[in-house]
Amino acid sequence: MGLELYLDLLSQPCRAVYIFAKRNGIPFELRPVELRKGQHLSDAFAQVNPLKKVPALRDGDFTLTESLWVLAAKSLKADPSWLHGAGVWRQQWGRISSRRPMRSS
């Protein structure tokens, strides 16, 4: 089984993940989840993401449920050298997203 993306393209974070995968030629199987119909609240989707949110990425037995980390994981698929800069990216994003400074590791 390959990479599966659970997305609703009406969602901006889902579109970001989708566009990133397409632009970088990362093969995936699209698993549409219609938010307006409440499909993300179903018991079936809770098996994928217990938080019942999209986007979600499943690669075999491994699942990611946060859009930023989905993008990070897909970056590694596109370019394994990306891992070298991941710590810096995470640190910068943490400063922006939390609105408070983070300590350097």
PDB file of N, CA and C in Angstrom:
ATOM      1  N   MET A   1       0.852  -1.180   0.000  1.00  0.00           N
ATOM      2  CA  MET A   1       0.000   0.000   0.000  1.00  0.00           C
ATOM      3  C   MET A   1       0.892   1.236   0.000  1.00  0.00           C
ATOM      4  N   GLY A   2       0.565   2.234  -0.807  1.00  0.00           N
ATOM      5  CA  GLY A   2       1.351   3.454  -0.908  1.00  0.00           C
ATOM      6  C   GLY A   2       0.855   4.540   0.018  1.00  0.00           C
ATOM      7  N   LEU A   3       1.283   5.728  -0.264  1.00  0.00           N
ATOM      8  CA  LEU A   3       0.918   6.905   0.512  1.00  0.00           C
ATOM      9  C   LEU A   3      -0.549   7.250   0.264  1.00  0.00           C
ATOM     10  N   GLU A   4      -1.312   7.422   1.342  1.00  0.00           N
ATOM     11  CA  GLU A   4      -2.720   7.803   1.240  1.00  0.00           C
ATOM     12  C   GLU A   4      -2.907   9.168   1.894  1.00  0.00           C
ATOM     13  N   LEU A   5      -3.602  10.064   1.207  1.00  0.00           N
ATOM     14  CA  LEU A   5      -3.915  11.379   1.757  1.00  0.00           C
ATOM     15  C   LEU A   5      -5.418  11.510   1.928  1.00  0.00           C
ATOM     16  N   TYR A   6      -5.827  11.831   3.135  1.00  0.00           N
ATOM     17  CA  TYR A   6      -7.231  12.057   3.461  1.00  0.00           C
ATOM     18  C   TYR A   6      -7.434  13.561   3.475  1.00  0.00           C
ATOM     19  N   LEU A   7      -8.184  14.059   2.477  1.00  0.00           N
ATOM     20  CA  LEU A   7      -8.300  15.495   2.262  1.00  0.00           C
ATOM     21  C   LEU A   7      -9.720  15.905   1.891  1.00  0.00           C
ATOM     22  N   ASP A   8     -10.040  17.153   2.204  1.00  0.00           N
ATOM     23  CA  ASP A   8     -11.189  17.841   1.620  1.00  0.00           C
ATOM     24  C   ASP A   8     -10.614  19.096   0.991  1.00  0.00           C
ATOM     25  N   LEU A   9     -10.661  19.191  -0.320  1.00  0.00           N
ATOM     26  CA  LEU A   9     -10.013  20.297  -1.019  1.00  0.00           C
ATOM     27  C   LEU A   9     -10.682  21.646  -0.771  1.00  0.00           C
ATOM     28  N   LEU A  10     -11.788  21.678  -0.035  1.00  0.00           N
ATOM     29  CA  LEU A  10     -12.361  22.956   0.386  1.00  0.00           C
ATOM     30  C   LEU A  10     -11.575  23.546   1.561  1.00  0.00           C
ATOM     31  N   SER A  11     -10.770  22.728   2.203  1.00  0.00           N
ATOM     32  CA  SER A  11      -9.965  23.141   3.353  1.00  0.00           C
ATOM     33  C   SER A  11      -8.608  23.661   2.880  1.00  0.00           C
ATOM     34  N   GLN A  12      -8.215  24.842   3.334  1.00  0.00           N
ATOM     35  CA  GLN A  12      -6.942  25.423   2.916  1.00  0.00           C
ATOM     36  C   GLN A  12      -5.754  24.549   3.305  1.00  0.00           C
ATOM     37  N   PRO A  13      -5.660  24.033   4.539  1.00  0.00           N
ATOM     38  CA  PRO A  13      -4.525  23.154   4.853  1.00  0.00           C
ATOM     39  C   PRO A  13      -4.488  21.910   3.961  1.00  0.00           C
ATOM     40  N   CYS A  14      -5.649  21.379   3.612  1.00  0.00           N
ATOM     41  CA  CYS A  14      -5.696  20.217   2.721  1.00  0.00           C
ATOM     42  C   CYS A  14      -5.205  20.580   1.327  1.00  0.00           C
ATOM     43  N   ARG A  15      -5.605  21.756   0.841  1.00  0.00           N
ATOM     44  CA  ARG A  15      -5.149  22.187  -0.481  1.00  0.00           C
ATOM     45  C   ARG A  15      -3.637  22.364  -0.500  1.00  0.00           C
ATOM     46  N   ALA A  16      -3.068  22.895   0.587  1.00  0.00           N
ATOM     47  CA  ALA A  16      -1.614  23.083   0.656  1.00  0.00           C
ATOM     48  C   ALA A  16      -0.902  21.744   0.540  1.00  0.00           C
ATOM     49  N   VAL A  17      -1.381  20.741   1.242  1.00  0.00           N
ATOM     50  CA  VAL A  17      -0.787  19.404   1.187  1.00  0.00           C
ATOM     51  C   VAL A  17      -0.938  18.815  -0.215  1.00  0.00           C
ATOM     52  N   TYR A  18      -2.118  18.950  -0.797  1.00  0.00           N
ATOM     53  CA  TYR A  18      -2.402  18.417  -2.135  1.00  0.00           C
ATOM     54  C   TYR A  18      -1.495  19.071  -3.188  1.00  0.00           C
ATOM     55  N   ILE A  19      -1.420  20.401  -3.166  1.00  0.00           N
ATOM     56  CA  ILE A  19      -0.615  21.131  -4.146  1.00  0.00           C
ATOM     57  C   ILE A  19       0.859  20.765  -3.996  1.00  0.00           C
ATOM     58  N   PHE A  20       1.319  20.673  -2.751  1.00  0.00           N
ATOM     59  CA  PHE A  20       2.714  20.303  -2.512  1.00  0.00           C
ATOM     60  C   PHE A  20       3.024  18.937  -3.124  1.00  0.00           C
ATOM     61  N   ALA A  21       2.155  17.972  -2.901  1.00  0.00           N
ATOM     62  CA  ALA A  21       2.380  16.619  -3.438  1.00  0.00           C
ATOM     63  C   ALA A  21       2.395  16.635  -4.957  1.00  0.00           C
ATOM     64  N   LYS A  22       1.455  17.338  -5.556  1.00  0.00           N
ATOM     65  CA  LYS A  22       1.382  17.394  -7.017  1.00  0.00           C
ATOM     66  C   LYS A  22       2.612  18.083  -7.614  1.00  0.00           C
ATOM     67  N   ARG A  23       2.991  19.224  -7.047  1.00  0.00           N
ATOM     68  CA  ARG A  23       4.124  19.993  -7.585  1.00  0.00           C
ATOM     69  C   ARG A  23       5.446  19.245  -7.463  1.00  0.00           C
ATOM     70  N   ASN A  24       5.555  18.384  -6.451  1.00  0.00           N
ATOM     71  CA  ASN A  24       6.805  17.667  -6.219  1.00  0.00           C
ATOM     72  C   ASN A  24       6.775  16.235  -6.741  1.00  0.00           C
ATOM     73  N   GLY A  25       5.713  15.877  -7.453  1.00  0.00           N
ATOM     74  CA  GLY A  25       5.632  14.564  -8.069  1.00  0.00           C
ATOM     75  C   GLY A  25       5.615  13.413  -7.077  1.00  0.00           C
ATOM     76  N   ILE A  26       5.044  13.634  -5.907  1.00  0.00           N
ATOM     77  CA  ILE A  26       4.967  12.589  -4.886  1.00  0.00           C
ATOM     78  C   ILE A  26       3.711  11.770  -5.159  1.00  0.00           C
ATOM     79  N   PRO A  27       3.865  10.482  -5.464  1.00  0.00           N
ATOM     80  CA  PRO A  27       2.678   9.665  -5.752  1.00  0.00           C
ATOM     81  C   PRO A  27       1.865   9.419  -4.475  1.00  0.00           C
ATOM     82  N   PHE A  28       0.554   9.541  -4.602  1.00  0.00           N
ATOM     83  CA  PHE A  28      -0.330   9.309  -3.464  1.00  0.00           C
ATOM     84  C   PHE A  28      -1.687   8.869  -3.969  1.00  0.00           C
ATOM     85  N   GLU A  29      -2.429   8.265  -3.075  1.00  0.00           N
ATOM     86  CA  GLU A  29      -3.804   7.895  -3.362  1.00  0.00           C
ATOM     87  C   GLU A  29      -4.697   8.852  -2.575  1.00  0.00           C
ATOM     88  N   LEU A  30      -5.546   9.577  -3.283  1.00  0.00           N
ATOM     89  CA  LEU A  30      -6.435  10.547  -2.643  1.00  0.00           C
ATOM     90  C   LEU A  30      -7.624   9.833  -2.017  1.00  0.00           C
ATOM     91  N   ARG A  31      -7.846  10.106  -0.751  1.00  0.00           N
ATOM     92  CA  ARG A  31      -9.000   9.579  -0.016  1.00  0.00           C
ATOM     93  C   ARG A  31      -9.856  10.781   0.395  1.00  0.00           C
ATOM     94  N   PRO A  32     -10.844  11.144  -0.425  1.00  0.00           N
ATOM     95  CA  PRO A  32     -11.655  12.327  -0.117  1.00  0.00           C
ATOM     96  C   PRO A  32     -12.455  12.155   1.177  1.00  0.00           C
ATOM     97  N   VAL A  33     -12.464  13.223   1.960  1.00  0.00           N
ATOM     98  CA  VAL A  33     -13.249  13.286   3.194  1.00  0.00           C
ATOM     99  C   VAL A  33     -14.076  14.566   3.098  1.00  0.00           C
ATOM    100  N   GLU A  34     -15.385  14.438   2.964  1.00  0.00           N
ATOM    101  CA  GLU A  34     -16.237  15.613   2.777  1.00  0.00           C
ATOM    102  C   GLU A  34     -16.651  16.180   4.131  1.00  0.00           C
ATOM    103  N   LEU A  35     -16.044  17.322   4.470  1.00  0.00           N
ATOM    104  CA  LEU A  35     -16.318  17.959   5.755  1.00  0.00           C
ATOM    105  C   LEU A  35     -17.772  18.411   5.878  1.00  0.00           C
ATOM    106  N   ARG A  36     -18.314  18.937   4.791  1.00  0.00           N
ATOM    107  CA  ARG A  36     -19.709  19.419   4.838  1.00  0.00           C
ATOM    108  C   ARG A  36     -20.708  18.306   5.131  1.00  0.00           C
ATOM    109  N   LYS A  37     -20.351  17.090   4.759  1.00  0.00           N
ATOM    110  CA  LYS A  37     -21.223  15.943   5.034  1.00  0.00           C
ATOM    111  C   LYS A  37     -20.896  15.289   6.374  1.00  0.00           C
ATOM    112  N   GLY A  38     -19.892  15.813   7.058  1.00  0.00           N
ATOM    113  CA  GLY A  38     -19.530  15.272   8.360  1.00  0.00           C
ATOM    114  C   GLY A  38     -18.782  13.958   8.305  1.00  0.00           C
ATOM    115  N   GLN A  39     -18.193  13.639   7.167  1.00  0.00           N
ATOM    116  CA  GLN A  39     -17.477  12.369   7.045  1.00  0.00           C
ATOM    117  C   GLN A  39     -16.284  12.280   7.995  1.00  0.00           C
ATOM    118  N   HIS A  40     -15.724  13.414   8.364  1.00  0.00           N
ATOM    119  CA  HIS A  40     -14.589  13.413   9.285  1.00  0.00           C
ATOM    120  C   HIS A  40     -14.997  13.014  10.710  1.00  0.00           C
ATOM    121  N   LEU A  41     -16.282  13.041  10.982  1.00  0.00           N
ATOM    122  CA  LEU A  41     -16.786  12.683  12.312  1.00  0.00           C
ATOM    123  C   LEU A  41     -17.186  11.211  12.416  1.00  0.00           C
ATOM    124  N   SER A  42     -17.070  10.484  11.322  1.00  0.00           N
ATOM    125  CA  SER A  42     -17.500   9.080  11.299  1.00  0.00           C
ATOM    126  C   SER A  42     -16.526   8.189  12.071  1.00  0.00           C
ATOM    127  N   ASP A  43     -17.044   7.045  12.490  1.00  0.00           N
ATOM    128  CA  ASP A  43     -16.202   6.063  13.178  1.00  0.00           C
ATOM    129  C   ASP A  43     -15.129   5.519  12.244  1.00  0.00           C
ATOM    130  N   ALA A  44     -15.461   5.401  10.966  1.00  0.00           N
ATOM    131  CA  ALA A  44     -14.486   4.897   9.987  1.00  0.00           C
ATOM    132  C   ALA A  44     -13.289   5.841   9.889  1.00  0.00           C
ATOM    133  N   PHE A  45     -13.543   7.152   9.834  1.00  0.00           N
ATOM    134  CA  PHE A  45     -12.436   8.102   9.749  1.00  0.00           C
ATOM    135  C   PHE A  45     -11.686   8.201  11.073  1.00  0.00           C
ATOM    136  N   ALA A  46     -12.360   7.970  12.186  1.00  0.00           N
ATOM    137  CA  ALA A  46     -11.686   7.983  13.491  1.00  0.00           C
ATOM    138  C   ALA A  46     -10.610   6.906  13.572  1.00  0.00           C
ATOM    139  N   GLN A  47     -10.724   5.851  12.754  1.00  0.00           N
ATOM    140  CA  GLN A  47      -9.682   4.832  12.693  1.00  0.00           C
ATOM    141  C   GLN A  47      -8.401   5.402  12.075  1.00  0.00           C
ATOM    142  N   VAL A  48      -8.560   6.382  11.189  1.00  0.00           N
ATOM    143  CA  VAL A  48      -7.416   7.036  10.557  1.00  0.00           C
ATOM    144  C   VAL A  48      -6.875   8.123  11.479  1.00  0.00           C
ATOM    145  N   ASN A  49      -7.760   8.990  11.951  1.00  0.00           N
ATOM    146  CA  ASN A  49      -7.367  10.100  12.819  1.00  0.00           C
ATOM    147  C   ASN A  49      -8.358  10.214  13.976  1.00  0.00           C
ATOM    148  N   PRO A  50      -7.966   9.795  15.162  1.00  0.00           N
ATOM    149  CA  PRO A  50      -8.861   9.878  16.317  1.00  0.00           C
ATOM    150  C   PRO A  50      -9.294  11.313  16.646  1.00  0.00           C
ATOM    151  N   LEU A  51      -8.526  12.310  16.193  1.00  0.00           N
ATOM    152  CA  LEU A  51      -8.908  13.708  16.405  1.00  0.00           C
ATOM    153  C   LEU A  51      -9.994  14.154  15.426  1.00  0.00           C
ATOM    154  N   LYS A  52     -10.246  13.325  14.412  1.00  0.00           N
ATOM    155  CA  LYS A  52     -11.294  13.564  13.409  1.00  0.00           C
ATOM    156  C   LYS A  52     -11.090  14.875  12.651  1.00  0.00           C
ATOM    157  N   LYS A  53      -9.832  15.106  12.239  1.00  0.00           N
ATOM    158  CA  LYS A  53      -9.496  16.309  11.476  1.00  0.00           C
ATOM    159  C   LYS A  53      -8.734  15.914  10.215  1.00  0.00           C
ATOM    160  N   VAL A  54      -8.853  16.750   9.201  1.00  0.00           N
ATOM    161  CA  VAL A  54      -8.083  16.585   7.975  1.00  0.00           C
ATOM    162  C   VAL A  54      -7.130  17.765   7.868  1.00  0.00           C
ATOM    163  N   PRO A  55      -6.029  17.629   7.186  1.00  0.00           N
ATOM    164  CA  PRO A  55      -5.569  16.486   6.416  1.00  0.00           C
ATOM    165  C   PRO A  55      -4.956  15.415   7.307  1.00  0.00           C
ATOM    166  N   ALA A  56      -4.910  14.223   6.764  1.00  0.00           N
ATOM    167  CA  ALA A  56      -4.219  13.109   7.406  1.00  0.00           C
ATOM    168  C   ALA A  56      -3.466  12.349   6.333  1.00  0.00           C
ATOM    169  N   LEU A  57      -2.329  11.823   6.709  1.00  0.00           N
ATOM    170  CA  LEU A  57      -1.484  11.067   5.800  1.00  0.00           C
ATOM    171  C   LEU A  57      -1.279   9.691   6.406  1.00  0.00           C
ATOM    172  N   ARG A  58      -1.428   8.672   5.584  1.00  0.00           N
ATOM    173  CA  ARG A  58      -1.154   7.308   6.028  1.00  0.00           C
ATOM    174  C   ARG A  58      -0.175   6.689   5.041  1.00  0.00           C
ATOM    175  N   ASP A  59       0.895   6.141   5.597  1.00  0.00           N
ATOM    176  CA  ASP A  59       1.912   5.466   4.804  1.00  0.00           C
ATOM    177  C   ASP A  59       2.154   4.117   5.467  1.00  0.00           C
ATOM    178  N   GLY A  60       1.437   3.086   5.010  1.00  0.00           N
ATOM    179  CA  GLY A  60       1.496   1.779   5.651  1.00  0.00           C
ATOM    180  C   GLY A  60       0.863   1.848   7.037  1.00  0.00           C
ATOM    181  N   ASP A  61       1.631   1.503   8.058  1.00  0.00           N
ATOM    182  CA  ASP A  61       1.128   1.552   9.433  1.00  0.00           C
ATOM    183  C   ASP A  61       1.347   2.909  10.085  1.00  0.00           C
ATOM    184  N   PHE A  62       2.033   3.823   9.401  1.00  0.00           N
ATOM    185  CA  PHE A  62       2.377   5.132   9.959  1.00  0.00           C
ATOM    186  C   PHE A  62       1.337   6.160   9.540  1.00  0.00           C
ATOM    187  N   THR A  63       0.843   6.954  10.508  1.00  0.00           N
ATOM    188  CA  THR A  63      -0.165   7.977  10.223  1.00  0.00           C
ATOM    189  C   THR A  63       0.261   9.306  10.823  1.00  0.00           C
ATOM    190  N   LEU A  64       0.087  10.386  10.065  1.00  0.00           N
ATOM    191  CA  LEU A  64       0.302  11.749  10.556  1.00  0.00           C
ATOM    192  C   LEU A  64      -1.006  12.506  10.437  1.00  0.00           C
ATOM    193  N   THR A  65      -1.277  13.360  11.432  1.00  0.00           N
ATOM    194  CA  THR A  65      -2.572  14.027  11.443  1.00  0.00           C
ATOM    195  C   THR A  65      -2.492  15.542  11.558  1.00  0.00           C
ATOM    196  N   GLU A  66      -1.326  16.129  11.533  1.00  0.00           N
ATOM    197  CA  GLU A  66      -1.185  17.584  11.570  1.00  0.00           C
ATOM    198  C   GLU A  66      -0.675  18.047  10.217  1.00  0.00           C
ATOM    199  N   SER A  67      -1.312  19.070   9.638  1.00  0.00           N
ATOM    200  CA  SER A  67      -0.979  19.471   8.274  1.00  0.00           C
ATOM    201  C   SER A  67       0.483  19.858   8.114  1.00  0.00           C
ATOM    202  N   LEU A  68       1.072  20.529   9.087  1.00  0.00           N
ATOM    203  CA  LEU A  68       2.471  20.929   8.944  1.00  0.00           C
ATOM    204  C   LEU A  68       3.394  19.725   8.926  1.00  0.00           C
ATOM    205  N   TRP A  69       3.091  18.727   9.737  1.00  0.00           N
ATOM    206  CA  TRP A  69       3.947  17.539   9.775  1.00  0.00           C
ATOM    207  C   TRP A  69       3.672  16.640   8.578  1.00  0.00           C
ATOM    208  N   VAL A  70       2.460  16.706   8.044  1.00  0.00           N
ATOM    209  CA  VAL A  70       2.187  15.991   6.793  1.00  0.00           C
ATOM    210  C   VAL A  70       3.068  16.575   5.698  1.00  0.00           C
ATOM    211  N   LEU A  71       3.135  17.898   5.627  1.00  0.00           N
ATOM    212  CA  LEU A  71       3.996  18.542   4.632  1.00  0.00           C
ATOM    213  C   LEU A  71       5.456  18.176   4.865  1.00  0.00           C
ATOM    214  N   ALA A  72       5.880  18.141   6.121  1.00  0.00           N
ATOM    215  CA  ALA A  72       7.265  17.804   6.429  1.00  0.00           C
ATOM    216  C   ALA A  72       7.579  16.383   5.983  1.00  0.00           C
ATOM    217  N   ALA A  73       6.689  15.445   6.280  1.00  0.00           N
ATOM    218  CA  ALA A  73       6.915  14.052   5.893  1.00  0.00           C
ATOM    219  C   ALA A  73       6.967  13.924   4.378  1.00  0.00           C
ATOM    220  N   LYS A  74       6.095  14.643   3.688  1.00  0.00           N
ATOM    221  CA  LYS A  74       6.082  14.584   2.236  1.00  0.00           C
ATOM    222  C   LYS A  74       7.325  15.248   1.661  1.00  0.00           C
ATOM    223  N   SER A  75       7.871  16.249   2.357  1.00  0.00           N
ATOM    224  CA  SER A  75       9.116  16.865   1.922  1.00  0.00           C
ATOM    225  C   SER A  75      10.233  15.846   1.938  1.00  0.00           C
ATOM    226  N   LEU A  76      10.241  15.008   2.962  1.00  0.00           N
ATOM    227  CA  LEU A  76      11.262  13.960   3.045  1.00  0.00           C
ATOM    228  C   LEU A  76      11.126  12.971   1.890  1.00  0.00           C
ATOM    229  N   LYS A  77       9.881  12.672   1.485  1.00  0.00           N
ATOM    230  CA  LYS A  77       9.669  11.772   0.349  1.00  0.00           C
ATOM    231  C   LYS A  77      10.215  12.409  -0.929  1.00  0.00           C
ATOM    232  N   ALA A  78      10.012  13.733  -1.071  1.00  0.00           N
ATOM    233  CA  ALA A  78      10.451  14.431  -2.274  1.00  0.00           C
ATOM    234  C   ALA A  78      11.961  14.628  -2.288  1.00  0.00           C
ATOM    235  N   ASP A  79      12.550  14.936  -1.102  1.00  0.00           N
ATOM    236  CA  ASP A  79      13.972  15.239  -1.024  1.00  0.00           C
ATOM    237  C   ASP A  79      14.489  14.828   0.346  1.00  0.00           C
ATOM    238  N   PRO A  80      15.113  13.656   0.453  1.00  0.00           N
ATOM    239  CA  PRO A  80      15.579  13.174   1.760  1.00  0.00           C
ATOM    240  C   PRO A  80      16.540  14.119   2.462  1.00  0.00           C
ATOM    241  N   SER A  81      17.236  14.993   1.740  1.00  0.00           N
ATOM    242  CA  SER A  81      18.153  15.930   2.389  1.00  0.00           C
ATOM    243  C   SER A  81      17.410  17.009   3.158  1.00  0.00           C
ATOM    244  N   TRP A  82      16.085  17.091   2.986  1.00  0.00           N
ATOM    245  CA  TRP A  82      15.289  18.097   3.684  1.00  0.00           C
ATOM    246  C   TRP A  82      15.404  17.946   5.192  1.00  0.00           C
ATOM    247  N   LEU A  83      15.622  16.734   5.682  1.00  0.00           N
ATOM    248  CA  LEU A  83      15.700  16.481   7.112  1.00  0.00           C
ATOM    249  C   LEU A  83      16.732  17.369   7.777  1.00  0.00           C
ATOM    250  N   HIS A  84      17.812  17.673   7.084  1.00  0.00           N
ATOM    251  CA  HIS A  84      18.873  18.514   7.652  1.00  0.00           C
ATOM    252  C   HIS A  84      18.329  19.864   8.121  1.00  0.00           C
ATOM    253  N   GLY A  85      17.412  20.453   7.370  1.00  0.00           N
ATOM    254  CA  GLY A  85      16.867  21.760   7.728  1.00  0.00           C
ATOM    255  C   GLY A  85      15.571  21.698   8.515  1.00  0.00           C
ATOM    256  N   ALA A  86      15.089  20.500   8.831  1.00  0.00           N
ATOM    257  CA  ALA A  86      13.789  20.367   9.490  1.00  0.00           C
ATOM    258  C   ALA A  86      13.754  21.017  10.863  1.00  0.00           C
ATOM    259  N   GLY A  87      14.844  20.892  11.622  1.00  0.00           N
ATOM    260  CA  GLY A  87      14.875  21.481  12.963  1.00  0.00           C
ATOM    261  C   GLY A  87      14.754  22.994  12.912  1.00  0.00           C
ATOM    262  N   VAL A  88      15.436  23.610  11.971  1.00  0.00           N
ATOM    263  CA  VAL A  88      15.364  25.066  11.823  1.00  0.00           C
ATOM    264  C   VAL A  88      13.960  25.477  11.407  1.00  0.00           C
ATOM    265  N   TRP A  89      13.395  24.747  10.455  1.00  0.00           N
ATOM    266  CA  TRP A  89      12.036  25.054   9.996  1.00  0.00           C
ATOM    267  C   TRP A  89      11.041  24.935  11.146  1.00  0.00           C
ATOM    268  N   ARG A  90      11.148  23.853  11.920  1.00  0.00           N
ATOM    269  CA  ARG A  90      10.226  23.631  13.036  1.00  0.00           C
ATOM    270  C   ARG A  90      10.372  24.747  14.062  1.00  0.00           C
ATOM    271  N   GLN A  91      11.616  25.146  14.332  1.00  0.00           N
ATOM    272  CA  GLN A  91      11.853  26.203  15.307  1.00  0.00           C
ATOM    273  C   GLN A  91      11.245  27.524  14.822  1.00  0.00           C
ATOM    274  N   GLN A  92      11.437  27.856  13.552  1.00  0.00           N
ATOM    275  CA  GLN A  92      10.867  29.085  13.013  1.00  0.00           C
ATOM    276  C   GLN A  92       9.346  29.040  13.031  1.00  0.00           C
ATOM    277  N   TRP A  93       8.759  27.899  12.627  1.00  0.00           N
ATOM    278  CA  TRP A  93       7.313  27.787  12.626  1.00  0.00           C
ATOM    279  C   TRP A  93       6.766  27.893  14.041  1.00  0.00           C
ATOM    280  N   GLY A  94       7.443  27.298  15.002  1.00  0.00           N
ATOM    281  CA  GLY A  94       7.005  27.359  16.392  1.00  0.00           C
ATOM    282  C   GLY A  94       6.929  28.788  16.891  1.00  0.00           C
ATOM    283  N   ARG A  95       7.893  29.598  16.495  1.00  0.00           N
ATOM    284  CA  ARG A  95       7.873  31.010  16.906  1.00  0.00           C
ATOM    285  C   ARG A  95       6.654  31.724  16.326  1.00  0.00           C
ATOM    286  N   ILE A  96       6.362  31.436  15.077  1.00  0.00           N
ATOM    287  CA  ILE A  96       5.237  32.104  14.417  1.00  0.00           C
ATOM    288  C   ILE A  96       3.909  31.597  14.952  1.00  0.00           C
ATOM    289  N   SER A  97       3.780  30.278  15.065  1.00  0.00           N
ATOM    290  CA  SER A  97       2.483  29.707  15.408  1.00  0.00           C
ATOM    291  C   SER A  97       2.112  29.897  16.870  1.00  0.00           C
ATOM    292  N   SER A  98       3.088  29.935  17.752  1.00  0.00           N
ATOM    293  CA  SER A  98       2.763  30.052  19.173  1.00  0.00           C
ATOM    294  C   SER A  98       2.758  31.494  19.640  1.00  0.00           C
ATOM    295  N   ARG A  99       3.295  32.396  18.837  1.00  0.00           N
ATOM    296  CA  ARG A  99       3.374  33.814  19.172  1.00  0.00           C
ATOM    297  C   ARG A  99       4.217  34.075  20.423  1.00  0.00           C
ATOM    298  N   ARG A 100       5.085  33.126  20.758  1.00  0.00           N
ATOM    299  CA  ARG A 100       6.012  33.345  21.856  1.00  0.00           C
ATOM    300  C   ARG A 100       7.351  32.729  21.454  1.00  0.00           C
ATOM    301  N   PRO A 101       8.432  33.293  21.976  1.00  0.00           N
ATOM    302  CA  PRO A 101       9.746  32.771  21.577  1.00  0.00           C
ATOM    303  C   PRO A 101       9.963  31.339  22.061  1.00  0.00           C
ATOM    304  N   MET A 102      10.696  30.582  21.265  1.00  0.00           N
ATOM    305  CA  MET A 102      11.077  29.226  21.657  1.00  0.00           C
ATOM    306  C   MET A 102      12.559  29.220  22.005  1.00  0.00           C
ATOM    307  N   ARG A 103      12.928  28.369  22.938  1.00  0.00           N
ATOM    308  CA  ARG A 103      14.339  28.221  23.266  1.00  0.00           C
ATOM    309  C   ARG A 103      15.030  27.428  22.171  1.00  0.00           C
ATOM    310  N   SER A 104      16.242  27.769  21.889  1.00  0.00           N
ATOM    311  CA  SER A 104      17.026  27.013  20.897  1.00  0.00           C
ATOM    312  C   SER A 104      17.462  25.711  21.516  1.00  0.00           C
ATOM    313  N   SER A 105      17.491  24.655  20.698  1.00  0.00           N
ATOM    314  CA  SER A 105      17.942  23.343  21.172  1.00  0.00           C
ATOM    315  C   SER A 105      19.429  23.259  21.151  1.00  0.00           C
TER     316      SER A 105
END
